[in-house]
Amino acid sequence: MKYGFPGPVNDVLYRKAYVASYNRAKRNPNWVAEHLRASSFSTPPSSSPNSLPSPTGLVLESEETSLDTPDRHKASFREDLDIPRMFRAKLKDYSGSGFDRGHLVPAADVKESQEAMSETFLLTNISPQVGPGFNRAYWFHFENFTRSLTTKFDDVYVVTGPLYLPKKEEDGKYYVRYQVIGEPANTAVPTHFYKVILGVKDGKPALGAFVLPNEAIEDRKLEEFVLPLDAVEHASGLVFFPEVNRLSYKPLCQVTKCEVIPFRKAVRSMNGAKAWGIV
């Protein structure tokens, strides 16, 4: 077209420890991708390459260059200046909304430097999440489970993002309904969140696709939230890990036990969370 086409709707953002796709219309990520190893949670060397995957198969090489010990208390939530002002999620959107600013790449996953950890507090890595019973409980423990996989696999690749799923109502029809926060109201509140996990051990892949509702979750087994990969792809409009042979991987929960701390133990376990630098 002579005077150009509209767009873009999405931005791809390359950070030191993750890659994110940001949706300008919903003021939420579409996805965030990270690569975890057991060494991700130890003191980093002065220069160690870390490959970052994306759902499109893109690989980013970044270098860990800092020996400082990152501390989440030195970080703060902030707007992402890489996004044009009119399309940014803003701090004031969350003020008084009743929702937590929920990390999609958790700060606790990023140990290589203070700068890298601080980048997880950019609002392009954040979605509105229900706090009690979800972000501060079940989802928190789900993130711990994901980190624990680095003790069982050589490499763990994780893609996380929001979903806006339809629900059948009294008239028998399906509707997509979600709250929007902010002033003006532009930031969408996802109905669900997905996390697609690929673990690789000795070159052999295992994959699990999970979808959790954005609500308080009590004593439910993590395996209840496992869905076929193609169902998550259909709902999200994304193809995950396209370079993996779909006939070659085993279900993650058949290779390792998929389990989170029961909800009734969550409050007690949170008392020790500060020792890990997680809260």
Protein backbone atom coordinates (compact mmCIF):
# COMPACT_ATOMS: atom_id res chain seq x y z
CA MET A 1 0.00 0.00 0.00
CA LYS A 2 1.36 3.41 -0.97
CA TYR A 3 1.18 4.91 2.53
CA GLY A 4 1.97 1.76 4.47
CA PHE A 5 0.10 -0.90 6.39
CA PRO A 6 -1.12 -0.66 10.00
CA GLY A 7 0.87 -2.21 12.79
CA PRO A 8 2.74 -3.72 14.36
CA VAL A 9 0.46 -5.33 16.93
CA ASN A 10 3.28 -7.23 18.61
CA ASP A 11 6.84 -6.48 19.71
CA VAL A 12 9.62 -9.06 20.21
CA LEU A 13 11.91 -8.02 23.05
CA TYR A 14 15.34 -9.54 23.67
CA ARG A 15 16.46 -9.49 27.30
CA LYS A 16 19.54 -10.91 28.98
CA ALA A 17 17.74 -13.96 30.39
CA TYR A 18 14.63 -14.28 28.25
CA VAL A 19 12.84 -13.29 25.06
CA ALA A 20 9.30 -11.86 25.13
CA SER A 21 6.57 -11.14 22.62
CA TYR A 22 4.36 -8.26 23.76
CA ASN A 23 0.79 -7.65 22.63
CA ARG A 24 0.15 -3.92 22.25
CA ALA A 25 -3.64 -4.31 22.16
CA LYS A 26 -3.95 -6.33 25.37
CA ARG A 27 -0.94 -4.76 27.15
CA ASN A 28 0.19 -8.28 28.03
CA PRO A 29 2.90 -10.62 26.80
CA ASN A 30 1.91 -13.12 24.13
CA TRP A 31 4.70 -15.36 25.36
CA VAL A 32 7.99 -15.28 27.21
CA ALA A 33 10.70 -17.88 26.61
CA GLU A 34 13.55 -18.89 28.88
CA HIS A 35 16.26 -21.57 29.05
CA LEU A 36 17.14 -23.07 32.43
CA ARG A 37 20.01 -25.30 33.53
CA ALA A 38 21.18 -26.40 36.96
CA SER A 39 24.00 -23.88 36.56
CA SER A 40 21.38 -21.13 36.16
CA PHE A 41 20.98 -21.11 39.94
CA SER A 42 24.65 -21.04 40.92
CA THR A 43 27.13 -18.17 40.92
CA PRO A 44 27.75 -17.41 37.25
CA PRO A 45 31.14 -17.41 35.57
CA SER A 46 32.41 -14.12 34.18
CA SER A 47 31.46 -15.07 30.63
CA SER A 48 29.18 -17.99 29.87
CA PRO A 49 26.90 -18.23 26.81
CA ASN A 50 23.26 -18.95 27.45
CA SER A 51 20.97 -19.93 24.58
CA LEU A 52 17.46 -18.55 24.70
CA PRO A 53 14.70 -20.23 22.65
CA SER A 54 11.48 -18.74 21.33
CA PRO A 55 8.33 -20.45 20.08
CA THR A 56 9.47 -19.62 16.55
CA GLY A 57 12.69 -21.58 16.98
CA LEU A 58 14.80 -18.40 17.25
CA VAL A 59 17.91 -18.72 19.42
CA LEU A 60 19.54 -15.77 21.12
CA GLU A 61 23.05 -15.93 22.53
CA SER A 62 23.60 -13.71 25.54
CA GLU A 63 26.56 -13.45 27.89
CA GLU A 64 26.60 -13.45 31.66
CA THR A 65 29.11 -10.79 32.55
CA SER A 66 28.45 -9.95 36.18
CA LEU A 67 29.64 -11.61 39.36
CA ASP A 68 27.27 -9.72 41.65
CA THR A 69 24.63 -11.65 43.53
CA PRO A 70 21.23 -10.47 42.30
CA ASP A 71 18.64 -9.43 44.84
CA ARG A 72 14.99 -8.94 43.90
CA HIS A 73 14.66 -6.32 46.62
CA LYS A 74 16.98 -4.12 44.57
CA ALA A 75 14.59 -4.36 41.62
CA SER A 76 11.28 -2.62 41.08
CA PHE A 77 8.39 -2.92 38.65
CA ARG A 78 8.68 -0.45 35.82
CA GLU A 79 7.20 0.41 32.47
CA ASP A 80 9.04 -0.79 29.39
CA LEU A 81 10.39 2.21 27.51
CA ASP A 82 10.97 0.05 24.43
CA ILE A 83 7.19 0.14 23.89
CA PRO A 84 5.62 3.37 22.56
CA ARG A 85 3.93 5.26 25.39
CA MET A 86 0.39 4.87 24.05
CA PHE A 87 0.73 1.07 23.95
CA ARG A 88 2.55 0.46 27.22
CA ALA A 89 1.20 -1.34 30.24
CA LYS A 90 1.53 1.23 33.02
CA LEU A 91 2.16 0.95 36.73
CA LYS A 92 -1.01 2.89 37.48
CA ASP A 93 -3.04 0.25 35.59
CA TYR A 94 -2.43 -2.14 38.49
CA SER A 95 -2.94 0.38 41.29
CA GLY A 96 -6.10 -0.50 43.20
CA SER A 97 -7.06 -3.13 40.61
CA GLY A 98 -7.09 -6.03 43.05
CA PHE A 99 -4.65 -7.99 40.88
CA ASP A 100 -1.00 -8.85 41.44
CA ARG A 101 1.68 -7.92 38.95
CA GLY A 102 2.48 -11.51 38.06
CA HIS A 103 5.86 -12.41 36.57
CA LEU A 104 5.81 -14.76 33.59
CA VAL A 105 9.57 -15.27 33.77
CA PRO A 106 10.00 -15.40 37.57
CA ALA A 107 12.69 -13.26 39.14
CA ALA A 108 13.88 -16.39 40.94
CA ASP A 109 14.76 -17.97 37.58
CA VAL A 110 17.33 -15.27 36.86
CA LYS A 111 20.54 -15.38 38.86
CA GLU A 112 23.25 -14.29 36.41
CA SER A 113 23.22 -10.57 37.27
CA GLN A 114 21.24 -7.82 38.95
CA GLU A 115 20.53 -6.24 35.58
CA ALA A 116 19.13 -9.49 34.20
CA MET A 117 16.92 -10.04 37.25
CA SER A 118 15.71 -6.45 37.13
CA GLU A 119 14.58 -6.97 33.55
CA THR A 120 12.03 -9.51 34.80
CA PHE A 121 10.25 -6.58 36.49
CA LEU A 122 9.53 -4.85 33.19
CA LEU A 123 5.77 -4.76 32.64
CA THR A 124 6.26 -6.50 29.29
CA ASN A 125 7.00 -9.61 31.41
CA ILE A 126 3.97 -9.07 33.65
CA SER A 127 0.28 -10.02 33.54
CA PRO A 128 -2.54 -9.28 36.00
CA GLN A 129 -2.89 -12.34 38.22
CA VAL A 130 -5.18 -13.23 41.08
CA GLY A 131 -3.00 -12.96 44.18
CA PRO A 132 -4.33 -15.13 47.04
CA GLY A 133 -4.47 -18.78 46.07
CA PHE A 134 -2.81 -18.28 42.70
CA ASN A 135 0.18 -15.97 42.17
CA ARG A 136 1.12 -16.20 45.85
CA ALA A 137 0.35 -19.91 46.16
CA TYR A 138 -0.31 -22.49 43.45
CA TRP A 139 1.41 -20.63 40.59
CA PHE A 140 4.35 -19.86 42.90
CA HIS A 141 4.77 -23.56 43.64
CA PHE A 142 4.35 -24.42 39.97
CA GLU A 143 7.31 -22.13 39.26
CA ASN A 144 9.29 -23.98 41.95
CA PHE A 145 8.42 -27.27 40.24
CA THR A 146 9.68 -25.87 36.93
CA ARG A 147 13.00 -24.88 38.49
CA SER A 148 13.33 -28.30 40.10
CA LEU A 149 13.35 -29.89 36.65
CA THR A 150 16.91 -28.63 36.18
CA THR A 151 18.00 -31.41 38.56
CA LYS A 152 16.47 -34.02 36.26
CA PHE A 153 17.24 -32.64 32.80
CA ASP A 154 20.34 -31.16 31.20
CA ASP A 155 18.31 -28.34 29.67
CA VAL A 156 14.82 -27.02 30.44
CA TYR A 157 13.09 -24.72 27.95
CA VAL A 158 9.99 -22.89 29.17
CA VAL A 159 7.43 -20.81 27.30
CA THR A 160 4.77 -19.05 29.39
CA GLY A 161 1.89 -16.80 28.43
CA PRO A 162 -1.71 -15.70 28.97
CA LEU A 163 -4.88 -17.09 27.42
CA TYR A 164 -8.35 -15.64 26.96
CA LEU A 165 -10.56 -18.70 26.75
CA PRO A 166 -14.28 -18.98 25.92
CA LYS A 167 -16.82 -20.20 28.44
CA LYS A 168 -20.22 -21.72 27.80
CA GLU A 169 -23.01 -19.62 29.28
CA GLU A 170 -26.66 -20.20 30.12
CA ASP A 171 -27.86 -19.65 26.56
CA GLY A 172 -25.66 -22.53 25.41
CA LYS A 173 -23.32 -20.24 23.49
CA TYR A 174 -19.64 -19.64 24.13
CA TYR A 175 -18.31 -16.20 24.99
CA VAL A 176 -14.86 -14.81 25.69
CA ARG A 177 -15.16 -12.47 28.66
CA TYR A 178 -12.32 -10.95 30.63
CA GLN A 179 -11.84 -7.92 32.83
CA VAL A 180 -9.83 -4.93 31.65
CA ILE A 181 -7.97 -2.73 34.14
CA GLY A 182 -6.36 0.70 34.03
CA GLU A 183 -7.52 4.23 33.31
CA PRO A 184 -8.32 4.16 30.48
CA ALA A 185 -9.11 0.46 30.75
CA ASN A 186 -6.66 -1.14 28.32
CA THR A 187 -4.80 -3.89 30.21
CA ALA A 188 -6.53 -7.24 29.79
CA VAL A 189 -6.85 -9.72 32.66
CA PRO A 190 -6.20 -13.22 31.27
CA THR A 191 -8.66 -15.98 32.07
CA HIS A 192 -5.88 -18.59 32.07
CA PHE A 193 -2.13 -19.01 31.79
CA TYR A 194 -0.20 -21.64 29.91
CA LYS A 195 3.28 -22.99 30.50
CA VAL A 196 4.86 -25.32 27.95
CA ILE A 197 7.95 -27.09 29.29
CA LEU A 198 10.53 -29.00 27.27
CA GLY A 199 13.11 -30.99 29.22
CA VAL A 200 16.07 -32.57 27.42
CA LYS A 201 18.25 -35.28 28.96
CA ASP A 202 21.02 -36.92 26.92
CA GLY A 203 19.42 -35.54 23.79
CA LYS A 204 16.02 -37.09 24.58
CA PRO A 205 13.10 -34.63 24.91
CA ALA A 206 10.14 -34.72 27.28
CA LEU A 207 7.35 -32.17 26.95
CA GLY A 208 4.44 -31.02 29.06
CA ALA A 209 1.78 -28.41 28.27
CA PHE A 210 -0.12 -26.95 31.24
CA VAL A 211 -3.07 -24.54 31.37
CA LEU A 212 -4.14 -23.07 34.72
CA PRO A 213 -7.11 -20.79 35.43
CA ASN A 214 -6.35 -17.30 36.73
CA GLU A 215 -8.10 -17.94 40.03
CA ALA A 216 -7.42 -19.38 43.46
CA ILE A 217 -6.54 -23.07 43.15
CA GLU A 218 -6.76 -25.31 46.17
CA ASP A 219 -5.69 -28.96 46.51
CA ARG A 220 -5.56 -30.08 42.89
CA LYS A 221 -2.95 -32.28 41.30
CA LEU A 222 -0.74 -30.57 38.76
CA GLU A 223 -1.48 -33.32 36.25
CA GLU A 224 -5.11 -32.14 36.15
CA PHE A 225 -3.88 -29.09 34.24
CA VAL A 226 -2.01 -31.03 31.54
CA LEU A 227 -3.44 -30.62 28.04
CA PRO A 228 -2.39 -31.96 24.64
CA LEU A 229 0.17 -29.65 23.06
CA ASP A 230 -2.00 -29.04 20.01
CA ALA A 231 -4.87 -27.87 22.25
CA VAL A 232 -2.64 -25.15 23.73
CA GLU A 233 -1.40 -24.24 20.27
CA HIS A 234 -4.96 -23.97 18.99
CA ALA A 235 -5.96 -21.72 21.90
CA SER A 236 -2.88 -19.49 21.76
CA GLY A 237 -2.32 -19.33 18.01
CA LEU A 238 1.31 -20.33 18.57
CA VAL A 239 3.43 -23.31 17.53
CA PHE A 240 5.73 -24.36 20.35
CA PHE A 241 9.23 -25.77 19.81
CA PRO A 242 8.76 -26.33 16.07
CA GLU A 243 12.21 -27.92 15.73
CA VAL A 244 11.24 -30.82 18.02
CA ASN A 245 10.02 -33.96 16.26
CA ARG A 246 6.45 -34.40 17.47
CA LEU A 247 6.89 -38.19 17.41
CA SER A 248 10.11 -38.16 19.42
CA TYR A 249 9.22 -36.65 22.78
CA LYS A 250 7.74 -38.37 25.82
CA PRO A 251 5.08 -36.80 28.05
CA LEU A 252 6.85 -34.87 30.79
CA CYS A 253 4.72 -36.32 33.57
CA GLN A 254 5.63 -39.85 32.49
CA VAL A 255 9.32 -39.08 32.73
CA THR A 256 9.21 -37.22 36.05
CA LYS A 257 6.67 -36.70 38.81
CA CYS A 258 4.59 -33.60 38.16
CA GLU A 259 3.75 -32.31 41.62
CA VAL A 260 3.44 -29.04 43.48
CA ILE A 261 3.18 -28.40 47.20
CA PRO A 262 -0.45 -28.91 48.28
CA PHE A 263 -2.35 -25.68 48.87
CA ARG A 264 -2.88 -26.48 52.55
CA LYS A 265 0.90 -26.37 52.99
CA ALA A 266 1.36 -23.23 50.93
CA VAL A 267 1.12 -20.65 53.72
CA ARG A 268 3.56 -22.57 55.88
CA SER A 269 6.05 -22.98 53.04
CA MET A 270 5.85 -19.29 52.13
CA ASN A 271 7.40 -18.50 55.51
CA GLY A 272 10.68 -19.85 54.17
CA ALA A 273 10.44 -18.25 50.77
CA LYS A 274 12.45 -15.16 51.69
CA ALA A 275 15.44 -17.38 52.38
CA TRP A 276 15.45 -18.24 48.69
CA GLY A 277 15.18 -14.61 47.58
CA ILE A 278 11.88 -15.41 45.88
CA VAL A 279 9.53 -13.07 47.73
